[in-house]
Protein backbone atom coordinates (compact mmCIF):
# COMPACT_ATOMS: atom_id res chain seq x y z
CA MET A 1 0.00 0.00 0.00
CA ASN A 2 1.52 3.29 -1.12
CA ASN A 3 0.73 6.22 1.18
CA THR A 4 2.82 8.77 -0.73
CA GLN A 5 1.07 12.08 -1.33
CA CYS A 6 1.90 14.73 -3.92
CA LEU A 7 2.25 18.47 -4.14
CA SER A 8 3.17 20.22 -7.39
CA HIS A 9 6.93 19.55 -7.07
CA ALA A 10 7.26 17.00 -4.28
CA LYS A 11 6.16 13.56 -3.20
CA TRP A 12 6.02 12.99 0.54
CA GLU A 13 4.93 10.76 3.36
CA CYS A 14 5.31 12.62 6.65
CA LYS A 15 3.65 11.14 9.72
CA TYR A 16 4.06 12.43 13.24
CA HIS A 17 3.11 11.06 16.65
CA VAL A 18 1.90 14.06 18.67
CA VAL A 19 0.98 14.09 22.39
CA TRP A 20 -0.21 17.00 24.52
CA ILE A 21 -1.91 17.48 27.88
CA PRO A 22 -4.54 19.77 29.43
CA LYS A 23 -3.33 22.54 31.74
CA CYS A 24 -1.99 21.13 35.05
CA ARG A 25 -2.76 17.65 33.69
CA ARG A 26 -6.37 17.93 34.81
CA LYS A 27 -8.47 14.85 34.19
CA VAL A 28 -11.07 16.72 32.13
CA LEU A 29 -11.22 14.66 28.92
CA TYR A 30 -14.25 12.68 30.13
CA GLY A 31 -17.97 12.67 29.41
CA GLU A 32 -19.57 15.19 27.10
CA LEU A 33 -16.28 16.83 26.10
CA ARG A 34 -14.74 13.49 25.12
CA LYS A 35 -17.61 12.75 22.70
CA HIS A 36 -17.06 15.94 20.70
CA LEU A 37 -13.32 16.57 21.04
CA GLY A 38 -12.40 14.03 18.34
CA GLU A 39 -14.71 15.77 15.86
CA ILE A 40 -13.28 19.18 16.77
CA LEU A 41 -9.67 18.01 16.30
CA ARG A 42 -10.41 16.30 12.97
CA GLU A 43 -12.18 19.40 11.62
CA LEU A 44 -9.28 21.68 12.62
CA ALA A 45 -6.73 19.29 11.09
CA TRP A 46 -8.77 19.21 7.87
CA GLN A 47 -8.66 23.03 7.72
CA LYS A 48 -4.84 22.81 7.63
CA GLU A 49 -4.95 20.03 4.99
CA CYS A 50 -3.78 17.47 7.56
CA LYS A 51 -5.18 14.05 8.35
CA ILE A 52 -5.52 12.43 11.74
CA LEU A 53 -4.77 8.80 10.96
CA GLU A 54 -5.26 7.58 14.54
CA GLY A 55 -6.18 9.33 17.74
CA TYR A 56 -6.67 8.36 21.37
CA LEU A 57 -8.15 10.53 24.10
CA GLN A 58 -6.92 9.48 27.53
CA SER A 59 -8.26 11.05 30.72
CA ASP A 60 -5.33 13.49 30.95
CA HIS A 61 -3.67 13.59 27.50
CA VAL A 62 -4.23 13.30 23.74
CA HIS A 63 -2.33 10.95 21.39
CA MET A 64 -2.56 11.53 17.62
CA LEU A 65 -0.89 10.09 14.55
CA MET A 66 -1.01 12.89 12.00
CA SER A 67 -0.06 13.29 8.38
CA ILE A 68 1.10 16.88 7.80
CA PRO A 69 1.89 18.35 4.34
CA LEU A 70 5.36 19.70 3.65
CA LYS A 71 4.18 23.28 3.34
CA TYR A 72 3.26 23.42 7.06
CA SER A 73 5.59 22.97 10.00
CA VAL A 74 4.60 20.65 12.83
CA ALA A 75 4.69 23.54 15.31
CA GLN A 76 2.38 25.61 13.12
CA VAL A 77 -0.22 22.83 12.83
CA VAL A 78 -0.11 21.77 16.48
CA GLY A 79 -0.31 25.41 17.64
CA TYR A 80 -3.31 26.01 15.38
CA ILE A 81 -5.15 22.88 16.55
CA LYS A 82 -4.47 23.51 20.23
CA GLY A 83 -5.40 27.20 20.04
CA LYS A 84 -8.60 26.86 18.04
CA SER A 85 -9.78 23.81 20.00
CA ALA A 86 -9.26 25.70 23.29
CA ILE A 87 -11.45 28.51 21.98
CA GLN A 88 -14.19 26.08 20.93
CA ILE A 89 -14.04 24.25 24.27
CA ALA A 90 -14.27 27.55 26.19
CA ARG A 91 -17.28 28.66 24.16
CA SER A 92 -19.14 25.34 24.05
CA TYR A 93 -18.42 23.69 27.39
CA LEU A 94 -17.25 26.43 29.74
CA GLY A 95 -19.95 28.96 28.84
CA GLN A 96 -17.58 31.73 27.73
CA ARG A 97 -18.54 34.07 24.92
CA LYS A 98 -15.00 35.31 24.41
CA ASN A 99 -11.70 33.61 25.06
CA TYR A 100 -10.04 36.19 27.27
CA SER A 101 -6.27 36.21 27.61
CA GLY A 102 -5.11 34.10 30.50
CA MET A 103 -7.72 31.39 29.87
CA HIS A 104 -5.87 28.32 28.72
CA PHE A 105 -7.17 24.79 28.34
CA TRP A 106 -4.06 23.06 27.00
CA ALA A 107 -0.58 23.17 28.52
CA ARG A 108 2.06 25.07 26.54
CA GLY A 109 4.23 22.20 25.39
CA TYR A 110 3.74 19.03 23.39
CA TYR A 111 5.68 15.94 22.38
CA VAL A 112 6.28 15.00 18.74
CA SER A 113 8.23 12.22 17.06
CA THR A 114 8.49 11.21 13.43
CA VAL A 115 7.12 7.91 12.22
CA GLY A 116 9.30 6.62 9.41
CA THR A 117 9.15 3.71 7.04
CA ASP A 118 10.54 0.30 7.89
CA GLU A 119 14.26 0.40 8.67
CA GLY A 120 14.98 -2.44 6.23
CA VAL A 121 13.42 -0.48 3.36
CA VAL A 122 15.57 2.55 4.17
CA ARG A 123 18.76 0.47 4.25
CA ALA A 124 17.93 -1.22 0.93
């Protein structure tokens, strides 16, 4: 199965394992929020031309396997998804009309690692 994607002058297959946590590692990814958070994250990734290949919502962190096009950096995409999802969560589930400065849902950092092809294929 060939997962290579194309832009006008490049062929690529870039997959990243991304993990991030809510502020202070609160156990808030339960119940009503958990049902809709996957949809929110997929919609935001689609807006940046990314695909979420796999995703897992734990009680205190998010795991995602993402495919990100070459024209976007990982930091740009993750920052966009975390920022826009925090605004939607504040408006939908916390009853806020505006996302005032100082209101943060996600912690600042995140973990990312590349997911490459099989090592034997690279050596050949």
